[in-house]
């Protein structure tokens, strides 16, 4: 993984870890459901941003290398598979 993307992903994951701990405490304290949902949605959005970084890295490294080495079909199939998976969300 590219160093800068790795650092950004790790930073975001640490934030997510704190958000999840916070949500757990909120559940333990029987916090109002709407507030729990807001926190849960924020966590999902943060995870989505990590997924974006991982995809960015994959496209910038693996797919780029596959295209250069004549494995265009494999690269396209991987991108399509990820696209289909993302649409199911």
PDB file of N, CA and C in Angstrom:
ATOM      1  N   UNK A   1       0.855  -1.172   0.000  1.00  0.00           N
ATOM      2  CA  UNK A   1       0.000   0.000   0.000  1.00  0.00           C
ATOM      3  C   UNK A   1       0.901   1.235   0.000  1.00  0.00           C
ATOM      4  N   UNK A   2       0.498   2.235  -0.773  1.00  0.00           N
ATOM      5  CA  UNK A   2       1.272   3.469  -0.807  1.00  0.00           C
ATOM      6  C   UNK A   2       1.312   4.083   0.593  1.00  0.00           C
ATOM      7  N   UNK A   3       2.480   4.576   0.965  1.00  0.00           N
ATOM      8  CA  UNK A   3       2.698   5.060   2.331  1.00  0.00           C
ATOM      9  C   UNK A   3       1.700   6.146   2.743  1.00  0.00           C
ATOM     10  N   UNK A   4       1.471   7.127   1.883  1.00  0.00           N
ATOM     11  CA  UNK A   4       0.563   8.217   2.264  1.00  0.00           C
ATOM     12  C   UNK A   4      -0.871   7.719   2.436  1.00  0.00           C
ATOM     13  N   UNK A   5      -1.297   6.828   1.558  1.00  0.00           N
ATOM     14  CA  UNK A   5      -2.652   6.278   1.677  1.00  0.00           C
ATOM     15  C   UNK A   5      -2.751   5.418   2.926  1.00  0.00           C
ATOM     16  N   UNK A   6      -1.717   4.648   3.201  1.00  0.00           N
ATOM     17  CA  UNK A   6      -1.711   3.811   4.405  1.00  0.00           C
ATOM     18  C   UNK A   6      -1.836   4.672   5.661  1.00  0.00           C
ATOM     19  N   UNK A   7      -1.088   5.754   5.712  1.00  0.00           N
ATOM     20  CA  UNK A   7      -1.146   6.643   6.877  1.00  0.00           C
ATOM     21  C   UNK A   7      -2.532   7.259   7.041  1.00  0.00           C
ATOM     22  N   UNK A   8      -3.114   7.697   5.934  1.00  0.00           N
ATOM     23  CA  UNK A   8      -4.460   8.280   5.996  1.00  0.00           C
ATOM     24  C   UNK A   8      -5.486   7.247   6.438  1.00  0.00           C
ATOM     25  N   UNK A   9      -5.374   6.031   5.918  1.00  0.00           N
ATOM     26  CA  UNK A   9      -6.315   4.967   6.283  1.00  0.00           C
ATOM     27  C   UNK A   9      -6.181   4.613   7.761  1.00  0.00           C
ATOM     28  N   UNK A  10      -4.961   4.492   8.243  1.00  0.00           N
ATOM     29  CA  UNK A  10      -4.753   4.158   9.658  1.00  0.00           C
ATOM     30  C   UNK A  10      -5.286   5.253  10.575  1.00  0.00           C
ATOM     31  N   UNK A  11      -5.084   6.506  10.188  1.00  0.00           N
ATOM     32  CA  UNK A  11      -5.601   7.618  10.984  1.00  0.00           C
ATOM     33  C   UNK A  11      -7.129   7.554  11.055  1.00  0.00           C
ATOM     34  N   UNK A  12      -7.749   7.316   9.923  1.00  0.00           N
ATOM     35  CA  UNK A  12      -9.213   7.223   9.898  1.00  0.00           C
ATOM     36  C   UNK A  12      -9.707   6.017  10.690  1.00  0.00           C
ATOM     37  N   UNK A  13      -8.998   4.905  10.602  1.00  0.00           N
ATOM     38  CA  UNK A  13      -9.406   3.711  11.352  1.00  0.00           C
ATOM     39  C   UNK A  13      -9.329   3.941  12.857  1.00  0.00           C
ATOM     40  N   UNK A  14      -8.341   4.695  13.298  1.00  0.00           N
ATOM     41  CA  UNK A  14      -8.255   5.015  14.728  1.00  0.00           C
ATOM     42  C   UNK A  14      -9.430   5.888  15.161  1.00  0.00           C
ATOM     43  N   UNK A  15      -9.819   6.803  14.293  1.00  0.00           N
ATOM     44  CA  UNK A  15     -10.995   7.634  14.587  1.00  0.00           C
ATOM     45  C   UNK A  15     -12.241   6.759  14.660  1.00  0.00           C
ATOM     46  N   UNK A  16     -12.374   5.847  13.711  1.00  0.00           N
ATOM     47  CA  UNK A  16     -13.521   4.932  13.699  1.00  0.00           C
ATOM     48  C   UNK A  16     -13.547   4.093  14.968  1.00  0.00           C
ATOM     49  N   UNK A  17     -12.385   3.631  15.383  1.00  0.00           N
ATOM     50  CA  UNK A  17     -12.297   2.846  16.620  1.00  0.00           C
ATOM     51  C   UNK A  17     -12.879   3.635  17.792  1.00  0.00           C
ATOM     52  N   UNK A  18     -12.527   4.905  17.880  1.00  0.00           N
ATOM     53  CA  UNK A  18     -13.066   5.753  18.940  1.00  0.00           C
ATOM     54  C   UNK A  18     -14.564   5.959  18.802  1.00  0.00           C
ATOM     55  N   UNK A  19     -15.023   6.106  17.564  1.00  0.00           N
ATOM     56  CA  UNK A  19     -16.457   6.274  17.336  1.00  0.00           C
ATOM     57  C   UNK A  19     -17.229   5.023  17.770  1.00  0.00           C
ATOM     58  N   UNK A  20     -16.688   3.862  17.467  1.00  0.00           N
ATOM     59  CA  UNK A  20     -17.357   2.609  17.841  1.00  0.00           C
ATOM     60  C   UNK A  20     -17.392   2.463  19.360  1.00  0.00           C
ATOM     61  N   UNK A  21     -16.294   2.791  20.007  1.00  0.00           N
ATOM     62  CA  UNK A  21     -16.290   2.746  21.479  1.00  0.00           C
ATOM     63  C   UNK A  21     -17.329   3.712  22.050  1.00  0.00           C
ATOM     64  N   UNK A  22     -17.407   4.894  21.451  1.00  0.00           N
ATOM     65  CA  UNK A  22     -18.396   5.868  21.895  1.00  0.00           C
ATOM     66  C   UNK A  22     -19.810   5.360  21.706  1.00  0.00           C
ATOM     67  N   UNK A  23     -20.064   4.723  20.575  1.00  0.00           N
ATOM     68  CA  UNK A  23     -21.388   4.162  20.315  1.00  0.00           C
ATOM     69  C   UNK A  23     -21.715   3.061  21.316  1.00  0.00           C
ATOM     70  N   UNK A  24     -20.731   2.239  21.620  1.00  0.00           N
ATOM     71  CA  UNK A  24     -20.937   1.175  22.606  1.00  0.00           C
ATOM     72  C   UNK A  24     -21.337   1.768  23.959  1.00  0.00           C
ATOM     73  N   UNK A  25     -20.643   2.814  24.372  1.00  0.00           N
ATOM     74  CA  UNK A  25     -20.979   3.467  25.643  1.00  0.00           C
ATOM     75  C   UNK A  25     -22.374   4.075  25.594  1.00  0.00           C
ATOM     76  N   UNK A  26     -22.722   4.641  24.447  1.00  0.00           N
ATOM     77  CA  UNK A  26     -24.055   5.214  24.297  1.00  0.00           C
ATOM     78  C   UNK A  26     -25.133   4.141  24.448  1.00  0.00           C
ATOM     79  N   UNK A  27     -24.880   2.972  23.870  1.00  0.00           N
ATOM     80  CA  UNK A  27     -25.838   1.863  23.991  1.00  0.00           C
ATOM     81  C   UNK A  27     -25.936   1.418  25.446  1.00  0.00           C
ATOM     82  N   UNK A  28     -24.779   1.308  26.100  1.00  0.00           N
ATOM     83  CA  UNK A  28     -24.767   0.902  27.511  1.00  0.00           C
ATOM     84  C   UNK A  28     -25.548   1.888  28.377  1.00  0.00           C
ATOM     85  N   UNK A  29     -25.504   3.165  28.018  1.00  0.00           N
ATOM     86  CA  UNK A  29     -26.200   4.204  28.790  1.00  0.00           C
ATOM     87  C   UNK A  29     -27.656   4.368  28.350  1.00  0.00           C
ATOM     88  N   UNK A  30     -28.078   3.510  27.419  1.00  0.00           N
ATOM     89  CA  UNK A  30     -29.455   3.549  26.935  1.00  0.00           C
ATOM     90  C   UNK A  30     -29.801   4.913  26.321  1.00  0.00           C
ATOM     91  N   UNK A  31     -28.890   5.412  25.501  1.00  0.00           N
ATOM     92  CA  UNK A  31     -29.059   6.705  24.835  1.00  0.00           C
ATOM     93  C   UNK A  31     -30.232   6.649  23.855  1.00  0.00           C
ATOM     94  N   UNK A  32     -30.833   7.792  23.642  1.00  0.00           N
ATOM     95  CA  UNK A  32     -31.961   7.938  22.724  1.00  0.00           C
ATOM     96  C   UNK A  32     -31.621   7.322  21.359  1.00  0.00           C
ATOM     97  N   UNK A  33     -32.541   6.532  20.823  1.00  0.00           N
ATOM     98  CA  UNK A  33     -32.299   5.755  19.600  1.00  0.00           C
ATOM     99  C   UNK A  33     -31.839   6.607  18.417  1.00  0.00           C
ATOM    100  N   UNK A  34     -32.437   7.763  18.260  1.00  0.00           N
ATOM    101  CA  UNK A  34     -32.069   8.627  17.132  1.00  0.00           C
ATOM    102  C   UNK A  34     -30.607   9.045  17.234  1.00  0.00           C
ATOM    103  N   UNK A  35     -30.146   9.334  18.434  1.00  0.00           N
ATOM    104  CA  UNK A  35     -28.738   9.689  18.633  1.00  0.00           C
ATOM    105  C   UNK A  35     -27.834   8.506  18.306  1.00  0.00           C
ATOM    106  N   UNK A  36     -28.271   7.305  18.650  1.00  0.00           N
ATOM    107  CA  UNK A  36     -27.508   6.100  18.304  1.00  0.00           C
ATOM    108  C   UNK A  36     -27.421   5.941  16.787  1.00  0.00           C
ATOM    109  N   UNK A  37     -28.535   6.184  16.127  1.00  0.00           N
ATOM    110  CA  UNK A  37     -28.551   6.065  14.669  1.00  0.00           C
ATOM    111  C   UNK A  37     -27.631   7.087  14.011  1.00  0.00           C
ATOM    112  N   UNK A  38     -27.629   8.319  14.512  1.00  0.00           N
ATOM    113  CA  UNK A  38     -26.721   9.333  13.963  1.00  0.00           C
ATOM    114  C   UNK A  38     -25.261   8.898  14.105  1.00  0.00           C
ATOM    115  N   UNK A  39     -24.927   8.377  15.266  1.00  0.00           N
ATOM    116  CA  UNK A  39     -23.550   7.927  15.490  1.00  0.00           C
ATOM    117  C   UNK A  39     -23.218   6.738  14.590  1.00  0.00           C
ATOM    118  N   UNK A  40     -24.155   5.819  14.459  1.00  0.00           N
ATOM    119  CA  UNK A  40     -23.956   4.655  13.603  1.00  0.00           C
ATOM    120  C   UNK A  40     -23.755   5.071  12.148  1.00  0.00           C
ATOM    121  N   UNK A  41     -24.548   6.028  11.695  1.00  0.00           N
ATOM    122  CA  UNK A  41     -24.402   6.512  10.316  1.00  0.00           C
ATOM    123  C   UNK A  41     -23.061   7.206  10.107  1.00  0.00           C
ATOM    124  N   UNK A  42     -22.594   7.916  11.115  1.00  0.00           N
ATOM    125  CA  UNK A  42     -21.284   8.569  11.020  1.00  0.00           C
ATOM    126  C   UNK A  42     -20.179   7.525  10.894  1.00  0.00           C
ATOM    127  N   UNK A  43     -20.324   6.432  11.618  1.00  0.00           N
ATOM    128  CA  UNK A  43     -19.339   5.346  11.547  1.00  0.00           C
ATOM    129  C   UNK A  43     -19.347   4.725  10.156  1.00  0.00           C
ATOM    130  N   UNK A  44     -20.534   4.485   9.616  1.00  0.00           N
ATOM    131  CA  UNK A  44     -20.620   3.908   8.269  1.00  0.00           C
ATOM    132  C   UNK A  44     -19.981   4.829   7.239  1.00  0.00           C
ATOM    133  N   UNK A  45     -20.198   6.115   7.370  1.00  0.00           N
ATOM    134  CA  UNK A  45     -19.597   7.077   6.444  1.00  0.00           C
ATOM    135  C   UNK A  45     -18.071   7.066   6.568  1.00  0.00           C
ATOM    136  N   UNK A  46     -17.585   6.960   7.786  1.00  0.00           N
ATOM    137  CA  UNK A  46     -16.136   6.909   8.006  1.00  0.00           C
ATOM    138  C   UNK A  46     -15.540   5.638   7.408  1.00  0.00           C
ATOM    139  N   UNK A  47     -16.230   4.520   7.556  1.00  0.00           N
ATOM    140  CA  UNK A  47     -15.760   3.263   6.962  1.00  0.00           C
ATOM    141  C   UNK A  47     -15.755   3.385   5.442  1.00  0.00           C
ATOM    142  N   UNK A  48     -16.764   4.021   4.905  1.00  0.00           N
ATOM    143  CA  UNK A  48     -16.822   4.235   3.461  1.00  0.00           C
ATOM    144  C   UNK A  48     -15.621   5.049   2.978  1.00  0.00           C
ATOM    145  N   UNK A  49     -15.186   6.014   3.773  1.00  0.00           N
ATOM    146  CA  UNK A  49     -14.026   6.814   3.376  1.00  0.00           C
ATOM    147  C   UNK A  49     -12.750   5.973   3.380  1.00  0.00           C
ATOM    148  N   UNK A  50     -12.664   5.000   4.285  1.00  0.00           N
ATOM    149  CA  UNK A  50     -11.514   4.087   4.291  1.00  0.00           C
ATOM    150  C   UNK A  50     -11.568   3.196   3.047  1.00  0.00           C
ATOM    151  N   UNK A  51     -12.751   2.729   2.704  1.00  0.00           N
ATOM    152  CA  UNK A  51     -12.904   1.927   1.490  1.00  0.00           C
ATOM    153  C   UNK A  51     -12.470   2.722   0.264  1.00  0.00           C
ATOM    154  N   UNK A  52     -12.799   4.000   0.234  1.00  0.00           N
ATOM    155  CA  UNK A  52     -12.379   4.855  -0.878  1.00  0.00           C
ATOM    156  C   UNK A  52     -10.857   4.913  -0.985  1.00  0.00           C
ATOM    157  N   UNK A  53     -10.196   5.019   0.146  1.00  0.00           N
ATOM    158  CA  UNK A  53      -8.730   5.053   0.147  1.00  0.00           C
ATOM    159  C   UNK A  53      -8.147   3.734  -0.355  1.00  0.00           C
ATOM    160  N   UNK A  54      -8.722   2.632   0.083  1.00  0.00           N
ATOM    161  CA  UNK A  54      -8.239   1.317  -0.348  1.00  0.00           C
ATOM    162  C   UNK A  54      -8.420   1.163  -1.854  1.00  0.00           C
ATOM    163  N   UNK A  55      -9.569   1.584  -2.353  1.00  0.00           N
ATOM    164  CA  UNK A  55      -9.814   1.511  -3.794  1.00  0.00           C
ATOM    165  C   UNK A  55      -8.848   2.419  -4.546  1.00  0.00           C
ATOM    166  N   UNK A  56      -8.631   3.613  -4.029  1.00  0.00           N
ATOM    167  CA  UNK A  56      -7.676   4.533  -4.656  1.00  0.00           C
ATOM    168  C   UNK A  56      -6.302   3.883  -4.763  1.00  0.00           C
ATOM    169  N   UNK A  57      -5.869   3.248  -3.686  1.00  0.00           N
ATOM    170  CA  UNK A  57      -4.577   2.579  -3.689  1.00  0.00           C
ATOM    171  C   UNK A  57      -4.552   1.447  -4.713  1.00  0.00           C
ATOM    172  N   UNK A  58      -5.616   0.659  -4.745  1.00  0.00           N
ATOM    173  CA  UNK A  58      -5.665  -0.479  -5.667  1.00  0.00           C
ATOM    174  C   UNK A  58      -5.585  -0.007  -7.119  1.00  0.00           C
ATOM    175  N   UNK A  59      -6.339   1.031  -7.432  1.00  0.00           N
ATOM    176  CA  UNK A  59      -6.314   1.547  -8.800  1.00  0.00           C
ATOM    177  C   UNK A  59      -4.953   2.136  -9.157  1.00  0.00           C
ATOM    178  N   UNK A  60      -4.346   2.845  -8.214  1.00  0.00           N
ATOM    179  CA  UNK A  60      -3.067   3.515  -8.474  1.00  0.00           C
ATOM    180  C   UNK A  60      -1.887   2.553  -8.524  1.00  0.00           C
ATOM    181  N   UNK A  61      -2.047   1.376  -7.938  1.00  0.00           N
ATOM    182  CA  UNK A  61      -0.924   0.434  -7.906  1.00  0.00           C
ATOM    183  C   UNK A  61      -1.229  -0.824  -8.717  1.00  0.00           C
ATOM    184  N   UNK A  62      -2.074  -1.673  -8.200  1.00  0.00           N
ATOM    185  CA  UNK A  62      -2.307  -2.984  -8.810  1.00  0.00           C
ATOM    186  C   UNK A  62      -2.931  -2.888 -10.203  1.00  0.00           C
ATOM    187  N   UNK A  63      -3.986  -2.115 -10.331  1.00  0.00           N
ATOM    188  CA  UNK A  63      -4.640  -2.003 -11.639  1.00  0.00           C
ATOM    189  C   UNK A  63      -3.695  -1.352 -12.643  1.00  0.00           C
ATOM    190  N   UNK A  64      -3.007  -0.329 -12.214  1.00  0.00           N
ATOM    191  CA  UNK A  64      -2.040   0.345 -13.090  1.00  0.00           C
ATOM    192  C   UNK A  64      -0.970  -0.643 -13.561  1.00  0.00           C
ATOM    193  N   UNK A  65      -0.440  -1.446 -12.634  1.00  0.00           N
ATOM    194  CA  UNK A  65       0.579  -2.437 -12.985  1.00  0.00           C
ATOM    195  C   UNK A  65       0.018  -3.505 -13.924  1.00  0.00           C
ATOM    196  N   UNK A  66      -1.220  -3.928 -13.670  1.00  0.00           N
ATOM    197  CA  UNK A  66      -1.840  -4.929 -14.542  1.00  0.00           C
ATOM    198  C   UNK A  66      -1.998  -4.385 -15.960  1.00  0.00           C
ATOM    199  N   UNK A  67      -2.401  -3.144 -16.064  1.00  0.00           N
ATOM    200  CA  UNK A  67      -2.569  -2.538 -17.388  1.00  0.00           C
ATOM    201  C   UNK A  67      -1.226  -2.457 -18.123  1.00  0.00           C
ATOM    202  N   UNK A  68      -0.189  -2.089 -17.394  1.00  0.00           N
ATOM    203  CA  UNK A  68       1.140  -1.970 -18.000  1.00  0.00           C
ATOM    204  C   UNK A  68       1.692  -3.321 -18.437  1.00  0.00           C
ATOM    205  N   UNK A  69       1.330  -4.387 -17.708  1.00  0.00           N
ATOM    206  CA  UNK A  69       1.897  -5.705 -18.002  1.00  0.00           C
ATOM    207  C   UNK A  69       1.012  -6.541 -18.927  1.00  0.00           C
ATOM    208  N   UNK A  70       0.033  -5.907 -19.544  1.00  0.00           N
ATOM    209  CA  UNK A  70      -0.791  -6.619 -20.514  1.00  0.00           C
ATOM    210  C   UNK A  70      -1.937  -7.416 -19.920  1.00  0.00           C
ATOM    211  N   UNK A  71      -2.257  -7.166 -18.668  1.00  0.00           N
ATOM    212  CA  UNK A  71      -3.356  -7.885 -18.016  1.00  0.00           C
ATOM    213  C   UNK A  71      -4.597  -6.987 -17.915  1.00  0.00           C
ATOM    214  N   UNK A  72      -4.903  -6.330 -19.024  1.00  0.00           N
ATOM    215  CA  UNK A  72      -6.024  -5.391 -19.029  1.00  0.00           C
ATOM    216  C   UNK A  72      -7.336  -6.061 -18.630  1.00  0.00           C
ATOM    217  N   UNK A  73      -7.563  -7.257 -19.142  1.00  0.00           N
ATOM    218  CA  UNK A  73      -8.815  -7.965 -18.868  1.00  0.00           C
ATOM    219  C   UNK A  73      -8.981  -8.214 -17.368  1.00  0.00           C
ATOM    220  N   UNK A  74      -7.920  -8.666 -16.725  1.00  0.00           N
ATOM    221  CA  UNK A  74      -7.971  -8.916 -15.279  1.00  0.00           C
ATOM    222  C   UNK A  74      -8.258  -7.616 -14.529  1.00  0.00           C
ATOM    223  N   UNK A  75      -7.602  -6.549 -14.926  1.00  0.00           N
ATOM    224  CA  UNK A  75      -7.792  -5.255 -14.267  1.00  0.00           C
ATOM    225  C   UNK A  75      -9.237  -4.788 -14.402  1.00  0.00           C
ATOM    226  N   UNK A  76      -9.783  -4.892 -15.592  1.00  0.00           N
ATOM    227  CA  UNK A  76     -11.162  -4.465 -15.831  1.00  0.00           C
ATOM    228  C   UNK A  76     -12.127  -5.330 -15.030  1.00  0.00           C
ATOM    229  N   UNK A  77     -11.891  -6.638 -14.992  1.00  0.00           N
ATOM    230  CA  UNK A  77     -12.766  -7.539 -14.235  1.00  0.00           C
ATOM    231  C   UNK A  77     -12.764  -7.198 -12.745  1.00  0.00           C
ATOM    232  N   UNK A  78     -11.609  -6.872 -12.210  1.00  0.00           N
ATOM    233  CA  UNK A  78     -11.528  -6.501 -10.795  1.00  0.00           C
ATOM    234  C   UNK A  78     -12.305  -5.220 -10.515  1.00  0.00           C
ATOM    235  N   UNK A  79     -12.159  -4.231 -11.374  1.00  0.00           N
ATOM    236  CA  UNK A  79     -12.864  -2.965 -11.185  1.00  0.00           C
ATOM    237  C   UNK A  79     -14.374  -3.184 -11.290  1.00  0.00           C
ATOM    238  N   UNK A  80     -14.803  -3.979 -12.242  1.00  0.00           N
ATOM    239  CA  UNK A  80     -16.232  -4.271 -12.390  1.00  0.00           C
ATOM    240  C   UNK A  80     -16.760  -5.017 -11.170  1.00  0.00           C
ATOM    241  N   UNK A  81     -15.996  -5.966 -10.648  1.00  0.00           N
ATOM    242  CA  UNK A  81     -16.422  -6.718  -9.459  1.00  0.00           C
ATOM    243  C   UNK A  81     -16.609  -5.789  -8.265  1.00  0.00           C
ATOM    244  N   UNK A  82     -15.687  -4.866  -8.072  1.00  0.00           N
ATOM    245  CA  UNK A  82     -15.800  -3.907  -6.969  1.00  0.00           C
ATOM    246  C   UNK A  82     -16.997  -2.988  -7.187  1.00  0.00           C
ATOM    247  N   UNK A  83     -17.193  -2.561  -8.421  1.00  0.00           N
ATOM    248  CA  UNK A  83     -18.333  -1.694  -8.740  1.00  0.00           C
ATOM    249  C   UNK A  83     -19.652  -2.399  -8.413  1.00  0.00           C
ATOM    250  N   UNK A  84     -19.770  -3.655  -8.811  1.00  0.00           N
ATOM    251  CA  UNK A  84     -20.991  -4.418  -8.532  1.00  0.00           C
ATOM    252  C   UNK A  84     -21.202  -4.586  -7.034  1.00  0.00           C
ATOM    253  N   UNK A  85     -20.141  -4.850  -6.321  1.00  0.00           N
ATOM    254  CA  UNK A  85     -20.232  -5.002  -4.873  1.00  0.00           C
ATOM    255  C   UNK A  85     -20.687  -3.695  -4.223  1.00  0.00           C
ATOM    256  N   UNK A  86     -20.146  -2.593  -4.683  1.00  0.00           N
ATOM    257  CA  UNK A  86     -20.510  -1.284  -4.128  1.00  0.00           C
ATOM    258  C   UNK A  86     -21.974  -0.948  -4.400  1.00  0.00           C
ATOM    259  N   UNK A  87     -22.491  -1.375  -5.531  1.00  0.00           N
ATOM    260  CA  UNK A  87     -23.887  -1.096  -5.867  1.00  0.00           C
ATOM    261  C   UNK A  87     -24.853  -1.827  -4.940  1.00  0.00           C
ATOM    262  N   UNK A  88     -24.410  -2.929  -4.345  1.00  0.00           N
ATOM    263  CA  UNK A  88     -25.269  -3.723  -3.465  1.00  0.00           C
ATOM    264  C   UNK A  88     -25.461  -3.086  -2.104  1.00  0.00           C
ATOM    265  N   UNK A  89     -24.670  -2.104  -1.780  1.00  0.00           N
ATOM    266  CA  UNK A  89     -24.750  -1.458  -0.462  1.00  0.00           C
ATOM    267  C   UNK A  89     -26.090  -0.835  -0.233  1.00  0.00           C
TER     268      UNK A  89
END
